């Protein structure tokens, strides 16, 4: 019987918080090598904006990577 071990790989993105005292929600910024995703985190994360590495707004054209929504929800 063969068993396979699952290894943890580093996430393909980074998460950082941008807290604001003016609002109960937390702003979360996630970055991949190419894109920056700006989230509003309250009860459920809401993707506000996606920017390309050069600053071009690509919201609606680029979807977040797999597991990003879940990780943002956990971070919020």
Protein backbone atom coordinates (compact mmCIF):
# COMPACT_ATOMS: atom_id res chain seq x y z
CA UNK A 1 0.00 0.00 0.00
CA UNK A 2 1.51 3.28 -1.07
CA UNK A 3 0.95 6.42 0.91
CA UNK A 4 1.65 9.92 -0.22
CA UNK A 5 2.74 12.73 2.02
CA UNK A 6 1.30 16.12 1.42
CA UNK A 7 3.74 18.95 1.83
CA UNK A 8 2.88 22.53 2.60
CA UNK A 9 4.03 24.95 -0.07
CA UNK A 10 4.40 28.65 0.45
CA UNK A 11 1.35 30.60 -0.57
CA UNK A 12 1.59 32.15 -4.05
CA UNK A 13 0.59 35.48 -2.52
CA UNK A 14 1.23 37.68 0.52
CA UNK A 15 -1.36 39.24 2.82
CA UNK A 16 -1.05 42.51 4.73
CA UNK A 17 -3.57 44.51 6.71
CA UNK A 18 -4.41 48.17 6.31
CA UNK A 19 -6.41 49.03 9.44
CA UNK A 20 -8.54 52.12 9.66
CA UNK A 21 -9.98 53.57 12.88
CA UNK A 22 -12.74 55.25 10.86
CA UNK A 23 -14.45 51.98 9.97
CA UNK A 24 -15.08 48.65 11.74
CA UNK A 25 -14.05 46.79 8.59
CA UNK A 26 -10.44 46.00 7.86
CA UNK A 27 -8.72 46.61 4.57
CA UNK A 28 -6.59 43.71 3.37
CA UNK A 29 -4.04 43.88 0.58
CA UNK A 30 -2.90 40.66 -1.09
CA UNK A 31 -0.12 40.52 -3.65
CA UNK A 32 0.97 37.99 -6.22
CA UNK A 33 4.04 38.49 -8.40
CA UNK A 34 1.97 40.47 -10.88
CA UNK A 35 -1.27 41.66 -9.23
CA UNK A 36 -2.34 43.51 -6.10
CA UNK A 37 -5.82 42.77 -4.72
CA UNK A 38 -7.55 45.22 -2.38
CA UNK A 39 -10.21 43.73 -0.08
CA UNK A 40 -12.75 45.08 2.38
CA UNK A 41 -13.18 42.57 5.18
CA UNK A 42 -16.28 42.64 7.36
CA UNK A 43 -18.54 39.63 7.73
CA UNK A 44 -17.46 38.46 4.25
CA UNK A 45 -14.47 39.67 2.20
CA UNK A 46 -15.35 41.95 -0.71
CA UNK A 47 -12.87 42.41 -3.55
CA UNK A 48 -12.69 46.14 -4.22
CA UNK A 49 -9.93 46.57 -6.78
CA UNK A 50 -7.29 44.58 -8.66
CA UNK A 51 -4.22 46.38 -10.02
CA UNK A 52 -1.54 45.10 -12.36
CA UNK A 53 2.14 45.53 -11.43
CA UNK A 54 2.25 48.76 -13.42
CA UNK A 55 -0.79 50.21 -11.61
CA UNK A 56 -3.35 49.46 -14.35
CA UNK A 57 -6.79 48.72 -12.94
CA UNK A 58 -7.72 45.17 -14.03
CA UNK A 59 -10.72 44.71 -11.73
CA UNK A 60 -13.21 42.36 -13.37
CA UNK A 61 -10.54 40.99 -15.72
CA UNK A 62 -8.45 39.06 -13.18
CA UNK A 63 -9.73 36.60 -10.61
CA UNK A 64 -7.93 35.98 -7.32
CA UNK A 65 -5.83 32.80 -7.10
CA UNK A 66 -7.28 29.64 -5.56
CA UNK A 67 -7.59 29.85 -1.77
CA UNK A 68 -7.05 33.63 -1.62
CA UNK A 69 -10.65 34.39 -0.62
CA UNK A 70 -10.48 31.80 2.16
CA UNK A 71 -7.13 33.13 3.44
CA UNK A 72 -8.40 36.72 3.36
CA UNK A 73 -11.50 35.69 5.36
CA UNK A 74 -9.27 34.02 7.97
CA UNK A 75 -7.00 37.05 8.18
CA UNK A 76 -9.90 39.47 8.62
